[in-house]
Structure formats: structure tokens, C-alpha cells
Amino acid sequence: MPNPKWRHSKRRKRARRTHYKIEVPQVATCKTTGEPHLFHRAYKVNGDLYYRGQIIVPGKNSGAEVAEA
């Protein structure tokens, strides 16, 4: 395996790594419940599991029906 011929300074190493950053996640607001959630993720509200504004898995105490796809 090739090895570097010369040592790179701390400044060069840190300058290269400045571009490795964590992006801020995009947060959406549900039109049905008004809850903030991550895009393309299911989320719970009062025990019900929602995805794209529809109940996917109803909670134990919920009387809601599951939407047919």
C-alpha cells in the first residue's frame, strides 16, 4: 500500500475535513394532525401510527379504522 512521502500539516488536514458536516434534517408538518415529523418516516400521535397523513396502525384505545391502500 502506498504511504505518504511527506507529513501533512494539521492545517491541511483540518482544511480538508471542514466539508464533512451533518445536514439539518427536513421537518414536515402533517396536514391531518398538525404534528411535526421527518419526511418519509412514520410517526406516532396519541398511540396511532401515521404515514402521509393516514393511520397505518391504530392504537389500542383508538376507534379509528385503517385506511386501505
Protein backbone atom coordinates (compact mmCIF):
# COMPACT_ATOMS: atom_id res chain seq x y z
CA MET A 1 0.00 0.00 0.00
CA PRO A 2 1.30 3.45 -0.79
CA ASN A 3 2.20 5.67 2.11
CA PRO A 4 2.52 9.45 2.09
CA LYS A 5 6.05 10.62 1.32
CA TRP A 6 5.69 13.77 3.44
CA ARG A 7 3.69 14.54 6.52
CA HIS A 8 0.68 16.81 6.01
CA SER A 9 0.27 19.62 8.49
CA LYS A 10 -2.64 19.88 10.92
CA ARG A 11 -3.90 22.89 8.98
CA ARG A 12 -4.10 20.95 5.70
CA LYS A 13 -5.82 18.04 7.42
CA ARG A 14 -8.38 20.30 9.11
CA ALA A 15 -8.98 22.33 5.94
CA ARG A 16 -9.81 19.11 4.09
CA ARG A 17 -12.20 17.97 6.81
CA THR A 18 -14.19 21.22 7.06
CA HIS A 19 -16.58 19.96 4.38
CA TYR A 20 -17.65 16.90 6.41
CA LYS A 21 -20.73 18.30 8.14
CA ILE A 22 -24.02 16.92 9.37
CA GLU A 23 -27.01 18.24 7.45
CA VAL A 24 -30.05 19.56 9.29
CA PRO A 25 -32.96 17.11 8.86
CA GLN A 26 -36.00 18.37 6.99
CA VAL A 27 -39.08 18.53 9.19
CA ALA A 28 -42.59 18.45 7.72
CA THR A 29 -45.90 19.28 9.38
CA CYS A 30 -48.77 16.82 8.98
CA LYS A 31 -51.88 18.35 7.43
CA THR A 32 -54.14 15.90 9.29
CA THR A 33 -52.72 16.08 12.82
CA GLY A 34 -50.53 19.19 12.71
CA GLU A 35 -47.60 17.24 14.22
CA PRO A 36 -44.05 17.91 13.05
CA HIS A 37 -42.25 14.81 11.72
CA LEU A 38 -39.36 13.79 9.48
CA PHE A 39 -40.05 13.40 5.75
CA HIS A 40 -40.66 9.82 4.53
CA ARG A 41 -40.96 8.46 8.07
CA ALA A 42 -43.92 7.11 10.02
CA TYR A 43 -44.76 8.96 13.26
CA LYS A 44 -46.93 8.36 16.33
CA VAL A 45 -49.69 10.65 17.58
CA ASN A 46 -51.71 9.55 20.63
CA GLY A 47 -50.76 5.90 20.10
CA ASP A 48 -51.72 5.84 16.40
CA LEU A 49 -49.02 5.33 13.77
CA TYR A 50 -49.38 7.76 10.86
CA TYR A 51 -47.70 7.92 7.45
CA ARG A 52 -48.50 10.59 4.85
CA GLY A 53 -51.50 11.79 6.88
CA GLN A 54 -53.20 8.39 7.14
CA ILE A 55 -53.40 5.99 10.07
CA ILE A 56 -51.33 2.92 9.31
CA VAL A 57 -51.56 1.16 12.68
CA PRO A 58 -54.32 2.27 15.07
CA GLY A 59 -53.55 2.47 18.78
CA LYS A 60 -55.02 0.12 21.35
CA ASN A 61 -57.55 2.65 22.65
CA SER A 62 -58.27 4.24 19.28
CA GLY A 63 -61.53 3.59 17.40
CA ALA A 64 -60.06 4.64 14.04
CA GLU A 65 -60.18 2.41 11.00
CA VAL A 66 -57.10 1.51 8.96
CA ALA A 67 -57.03 3.18 5.53
CA GLU A 68 -56.98 0.83 2.57
CA ALA A 69 -54.12 1.45 0.12
